[in-house]
Amino acid sequence: MDFLNALLGNRILMTSVLGWLIAQVLKTIIHYIVSGEMVAERLTGSGGMPSSHSATVCALALSVAFNCGVDSPEFAIALIVAIIVMYDARGVRRETGIQAELLNDMLKVFEDMGRDDISSHDKMKEFVGHTPLQVMVGAVLGILVAIAMQFVYGF
């Protein structure tokens, strides 16, 4: 029980998780508004608006800054990890999503040509990465969550 209390009492961790959770809920709501369909996978899936990766790591980095100071090794680590994660979400992972779209279009052409050996599970996941705007909105969301947690609970 002490472990669970310590885990739930870790404000840096809880702030980061809250950043992720809010981003995932917002992502699901925005997807519903834009597409008109409720997709439960959006609650845990990657890609989309806002970037939950960015929200999580920015909430983490700012929480560490509030707790340990901007001159601490912990903040340096958290900041570098945040930069790498956001760069990756916008760059490599976004390109992977674009390639998945192209490959799925190619599979559709093959299906239209009468290939019946292609199943729906062969389709690649297209929601993988983020646009720069999605990364930026996620980052702002994470920063706001960390500020709100600092204001409400303090460190």
C-alpha atoms as a PDB file:
ATOM      1  CA  MET A   1       0.000   0.000   0.000  1.00  0.00           C
ATOM      2  CA  ASP A   2       2.935   2.330   0.684  1.00  0.00           C
ATOM      3  CA  PHE A   3       4.122   1.824  -2.897  1.00  0.00           C
ATOM      4  CA  LEU A   4       0.726   2.809  -4.320  1.00  0.00           C
ATOM      5  CA  ASN A   5       0.475   5.852  -2.062  1.00  0.00           C
ATOM      6  CA  ALA A   6       3.997   6.916  -3.026  1.00  0.00           C
ATOM      7  CA  LEU A   7       3.221   6.430  -6.709  1.00  0.00           C
ATOM      8  CA  LEU A   8      -0.028   8.403  -6.552  1.00  0.00           C
ATOM      9  CA  GLY A   9       1.678  11.047  -4.425  1.00  0.00           C
ATOM     10  CA  ASN A  10       4.373  11.635  -7.024  1.00  0.00           C
ATOM     11  CA  ARG A  11       3.198  14.983  -8.377  1.00  0.00           C
ATOM     12  CA  ILE A  12       5.622  14.982 -11.288  1.00  0.00           C
ATOM     13  CA  LEU A  13       4.328  11.609 -12.431  1.00  0.00           C
ATOM     14  CA  MET A  14       0.684  12.530 -11.858  1.00  0.00           C
ATOM     15  CA  THR A  15       1.111  15.816 -13.734  1.00  0.00           C
ATOM     16  CA  SER A  16       2.598  13.959 -16.692  1.00  0.00           C
ATOM     17  CA  VAL A  17      -0.169  11.348 -16.663  1.00  0.00           C
ATOM     18  CA  LEU A  18      -2.797  14.080 -16.422  1.00  0.00           C
ATOM     19  CA  GLY A  19      -1.254  15.831 -19.444  1.00  0.00           C
ATOM     20  CA  TRP A  20      -1.469  12.571 -21.404  1.00  0.00           C
ATOM     21  CA  LEU A  21      -5.042  11.852 -20.245  1.00  0.00           C
ATOM     22  CA  ILE A  22      -6.384  15.308 -21.100  1.00  0.00           C
ATOM     23  CA  ALA A  23      -4.722  15.189 -24.530  1.00  0.00           C
ATOM     24  CA  GLN A  24      -6.193  11.744 -25.272  1.00  0.00           C
ATOM     25  CA  VAL A  25      -9.707  12.833 -24.237  1.00  0.00           C
ATOM     26  CA  LEU A  26      -9.407  16.031 -26.291  1.00  0.00           C
ATOM     27  CA  LYS A  27      -8.091  14.011 -29.244  1.00  0.00           C
ATOM     28  CA  THR A  28     -11.136  11.738 -29.056  1.00  0.00           C
ATOM     29  CA  ILE A  29     -13.565  14.663 -28.835  1.00  0.00           C
ATOM     30  CA  ILE A  30     -11.891  16.540 -31.707  1.00  0.00           C
ATOM     31  CA  HIS A  31     -11.900  13.395 -33.866  1.00  0.00           C
ATOM     32  CA  TYR A  32     -15.624  12.982 -33.168  1.00  0.00           C
ATOM     33  CA  ILE A  33     -16.371  16.615 -34.038  1.00  0.00           C
ATOM     34  CA  VAL A  34     -14.355  16.479 -37.271  1.00  0.00           C
ATOM     35  CA  SER A  35     -15.347  13.013 -38.510  1.00  0.00           C
ATOM     36  CA  GLY A  36     -18.766  12.584 -36.923  1.00  0.00           C
ATOM     37  CA  GLU A  37     -17.860   9.129 -35.636  1.00  0.00           C
ATOM     38  CA  MET A  38     -16.840   8.040 -32.164  1.00  0.00           C
ATOM     39  CA  VAL A  39     -13.664   5.945 -32.339  1.00  0.00           C
ATOM     40  CA  ALA A  40     -12.731   4.483 -28.954  1.00  0.00           C
ATOM     41  CA  GLU A  41      -9.187   3.748 -30.207  1.00  0.00           C
ATOM     42  CA  ARG A  42      -8.537   7.499 -30.156  1.00  0.00           C
ATOM     43  CA  LEU A  43      -8.536   7.310 -26.342  1.00  0.00           C
ATOM     44  CA  THR A  44      -5.311   5.310 -26.392  1.00  0.00           C
ATOM     45  CA  GLY A  45      -4.037   5.668 -29.967  1.00  0.00           C
ATOM     46  CA  SER A  46      -1.205   7.798 -31.242  1.00  0.00           C
ATOM     47  CA  GLY A  47      -1.418  10.576 -33.804  1.00  0.00           C
ATOM     48  CA  GLY A  48      -4.073  13.260 -34.022  1.00  0.00           C
ATOM     49  CA  MET A  49      -4.800  16.617 -32.398  1.00  0.00           C
ATOM     50  CA  PRO A  50      -3.362  17.408 -29.885  1.00  0.00           C
ATOM     51  CA  SER A  51      -0.189  15.387 -29.512  1.00  0.00           C
ATOM     52  CA  SER A  52      -0.401  13.465 -26.257  1.00  0.00           C
ATOM     53  CA  HIS A  53       3.320  12.726 -26.571  1.00  0.00           C
ATOM     54  CA  SER A  54       4.062  16.462 -26.490  1.00  0.00           C
ATOM     55  CA  ALA A  55       1.563  17.101 -23.705  1.00  0.00           C
ATOM     56  CA  THR A  56       3.090  14.363 -21.565  1.00  0.00           C
ATOM     57  CA  VAL A  57       6.743  15.320 -21.964  1.00  0.00           C
ATOM     58  CA  CYS A  58       6.122  19.062 -21.620  1.00  0.00           C
ATOM     59  CA  ALA A  59       4.096  18.491 -18.446  1.00  0.00           C
ATOM     60  CA  LEU A  60       6.955  16.307 -17.220  1.00  0.00           C
ATOM     61  CA  ALA A  61       9.707  18.813 -18.045  1.00  0.00           C
ATOM     62  CA  LEU A  62       7.935  21.786 -16.503  1.00  0.00           C
ATOM     63  CA  SER A  63       6.973  19.794 -13.399  1.00  0.00           C
ATOM     64  CA  VAL A  64      10.604  18.809 -12.972  1.00  0.00           C
ATOM     65  CA  ALA A  65      11.611  22.456 -13.412  1.00  0.00           C
ATOM     66  CA  PHE A  66       9.152  23.518 -10.705  1.00  0.00           C
ATOM     67  CA  ASN A  67      10.220  20.710  -8.368  1.00  0.00           C
ATOM     68  CA  CYS A  68      13.979  20.464  -8.943  1.00  0.00           C
ATOM     69  CA  GLY A  69      14.857  23.816 -10.515  1.00  0.00           C
ATOM     70  CA  VAL A  70      15.964  24.671 -14.028  1.00  0.00           C
ATOM     71  CA  ASP A  71      19.601  24.224 -13.036  1.00  0.00           C
ATOM     72  CA  SER A  72      19.105  20.591 -11.986  1.00  0.00           C
ATOM     73  CA  PRO A  73      20.336  17.528 -13.870  1.00  0.00           C
ATOM     74  CA  GLU A  74      16.784  16.134 -13.673  1.00  0.00           C
ATOM     75  CA  PHE A  75      15.406  19.117 -15.599  1.00  0.00           C
ATOM     76  CA  ALA A  76      18.165  18.839 -18.195  1.00  0.00           C
ATOM     77  CA  ILE A  77      17.269  15.185 -18.765  1.00  0.00           C
ATOM     78  CA  ALA A  78      13.526  15.881 -18.911  1.00  0.00           C
ATOM     79  CA  LEU A  79      13.996  18.777 -21.341  1.00  0.00           C
ATOM     80  CA  ILE A  80      16.242  16.802 -23.700  1.00  0.00           C
ATOM     81  CA  VAL A  81      13.816  13.855 -23.636  1.00  0.00           C
ATOM     82  CA  ALA A  82      10.929  16.251 -24.399  1.00  0.00           C
ATOM     83  CA  ILE A  83      12.767  17.755 -27.361  1.00  0.00           C
ATOM     84  CA  ILE A  84      13.621  14.317 -28.762  1.00  0.00           C
ATOM     85  CA  VAL A  85      10.073  12.992 -28.329  1.00  0.00           C
ATOM     86  CA  MET A  86       8.496  16.035 -29.990  1.00  0.00           C
ATOM     87  CA  TYR A  87      11.013  15.991 -32.829  1.00  0.00           C
ATOM     88  CA  ASP A  88      10.366  12.306 -33.374  1.00  0.00           C
ATOM     89  CA  ALA A  89       6.562  12.717 -33.252  1.00  0.00           C
ATOM     90  CA  ARG A  90       6.697  15.458 -35.861  1.00  0.00           C
ATOM     91  CA  GLY A  91       9.412  13.987 -38.017  1.00  0.00           C
ATOM     92  CA  VAL A  92      10.017  10.266 -38.187  1.00  0.00           C
ATOM     93  CA  ARG A  93       6.627   9.150 -36.920  1.00  0.00           C
ATOM     94  CA  ARG A  94       4.784  11.599 -39.199  1.00  0.00           C
ATOM     95  CA  GLU A  95       6.670  10.278 -42.216  1.00  0.00           C
ATOM     96  CA  THR A  96       5.714   6.752 -41.173  1.00  0.00           C
ATOM     97  CA  GLY A  97       2.047   7.778 -41.189  1.00  0.00           C
ATOM     98  CA  ILE A  98       2.371   9.322 -44.648  1.00  0.00           C
ATOM     99  CA  GLN A  99       4.003   6.143 -45.939  1.00  0.00           C
ATOM    100  CA  ALA A 100       1.218   4.056 -44.356  1.00  0.00           C
ATOM    101  CA  GLU A 101      -1.379   6.139 -46.214  1.00  0.00           C
ATOM    102  CA  LEU A 102       0.418   5.528 -49.519  1.00  0.00           C
ATOM    103  CA  LEU A 103       0.731   1.784 -48.882  1.00  0.00           C
ATOM    104  CA  ASN A 104      -2.939   1.560 -47.890  1.00  0.00           C
ATOM    105  CA  ASP A 105      -3.861   3.326 -51.151  1.00  0.00           C
ATOM    106  CA  MET A 106      -1.785   0.741 -52.999  1.00  0.00           C
ATOM    107  CA  LEU A 107      -3.592  -2.091 -51.180  1.00  0.00           C
ATOM    108  CA  LYS A 108      -6.916  -0.548 -52.227  1.00  0.00           C
ATOM    109  CA  VAL A 109      -5.773  -0.555 -55.870  1.00  0.00           C
ATOM    110  CA  PHE A 110      -4.867  -4.230 -55.555  1.00  0.00           C
ATOM    111  CA  GLU A 111      -8.262  -4.987 -54.011  1.00  0.00           C
ATOM    112  CA  ASP A 112     -10.001  -3.116 -56.844  1.00  0.00           C
ATOM    113  CA  MET A 113      -8.027  -5.239 -59.325  1.00  0.00           C
ATOM    114  CA  GLY A 114      -9.621  -8.355 -57.828  1.00  0.00           C
ATOM    115  CA  ARG A 115      -6.965  -9.486 -55.378  1.00  0.00           C
ATOM    116  CA  ASP A 116      -9.006 -11.340 -52.783  1.00  0.00           C
ATOM    117  CA  ASP A 117      -6.030 -12.512 -50.732  1.00  0.00           C
ATOM    118  CA  ILE A 118      -5.659  -9.077 -49.106  1.00  0.00           C
ATOM    119  CA  SER A 119      -7.459  -8.824 -45.773  1.00  0.00           C
ATOM    120  CA  SER A 120      -8.468  -5.828 -43.729  1.00  0.00           C
ATOM    121  CA  HIS A 121      -5.789  -6.636 -41.118  1.00  0.00           C
ATOM    122  CA  ASP A 122      -3.130  -5.988 -43.777  1.00  0.00           C
ATOM    123  CA  LYS A 123      -4.038  -2.291 -43.665  1.00  0.00           C
ATOM    124  CA  MET A 124      -1.398  -0.165 -41.941  1.00  0.00           C
ATOM    125  CA  LYS A 125      -2.126   2.285 -39.150  1.00  0.00           C
ATOM    126  CA  GLU A 126      -2.071   5.836 -40.534  1.00  0.00           C
ATOM    127  CA  PHE A 127      -2.459   7.770 -37.283  1.00  0.00           C
ATOM    128  CA  VAL A 128       1.142   7.501 -36.162  1.00  0.00           C
ATOM    129  CA  GLY A 129       2.815  10.906 -36.115  1.00  0.00           C
ATOM    130  CA  HIS A 130       1.862  14.531 -35.795  1.00  0.00           C
ATOM    131  CA  THR A 131       1.866  17.731 -37.775  1.00  0.00           C
ATOM    132  CA  PRO A 132       3.859  20.642 -36.337  1.00  0.00           C
ATOM    133  CA  LEU A 133       0.579  22.252 -35.187  1.00  0.00           C
ATOM    134  CA  GLN A 134      -0.485  19.082 -33.330  1.00  0.00           C
ATOM    135  CA  VAL A 135       2.906  18.941 -31.595  1.00  0.00           C
ATOM    136  CA  MET A 136       2.739  22.629 -30.658  1.00  0.00           C
ATOM    137  CA  VAL A 137      -0.820  22.388 -29.287  1.00  0.00           C
ATOM    138  CA  GLY A 138       0.169  19.303 -27.282  1.00  0.00           C
ATOM    139  CA  ALA A 139       3.198  21.135 -25.893  1.00  0.00           C
ATOM    140  CA  VAL A 140       1.081  24.135 -24.851  1.00  0.00           C
ATOM    141  CA  LEU A 141      -1.462  21.792 -23.264  1.00  0.00           C
ATOM    142  CA  GLY A 142       1.271  20.033 -21.259  1.00  0.00           C
ATOM    143  CA  ILE A 143       2.686  23.366 -20.106  1.00  0.00           C
ATOM    144  CA  LEU A 144      -0.771  24.560 -19.028  1.00  0.00           C
ATOM    145  CA  VAL A 145      -1.406  21.325 -17.120  1.00  0.00           C
ATOM    146  CA  ALA A 146       1.914  21.669 -15.279  1.00  0.00           C
ATOM    147  CA  ILE A 147       1.196  25.315 -14.425  1.00  0.00           C
ATOM    148  CA  ALA A 148      -2.297  24.418 -13.206  1.00  0.00           C
ATOM    149  CA  MET A 149      -0.961  21.578 -11.051  1.00  0.00           C
ATOM    150  CA  GLN A 150       1.739  23.872  -9.657  1.00  0.00           C
ATOM    151  CA  PHE A 151      -0.856  26.539  -8.891  1.00  0.00           C
ATOM    152  CA  VAL A 152      -3.328  24.129  -7.281  1.00  0.00           C
ATOM    153  CA  TYR A 153      -0.952  21.817  -5.404  1.00  0.00           C
ATOM    154  CA  GLY A 154       2.443  23.514  -5.413  1.00  0.00           C
ATOM    155  CA  PHE A 155       5.666  21.593  -4.910  1.00  0.00           C
END
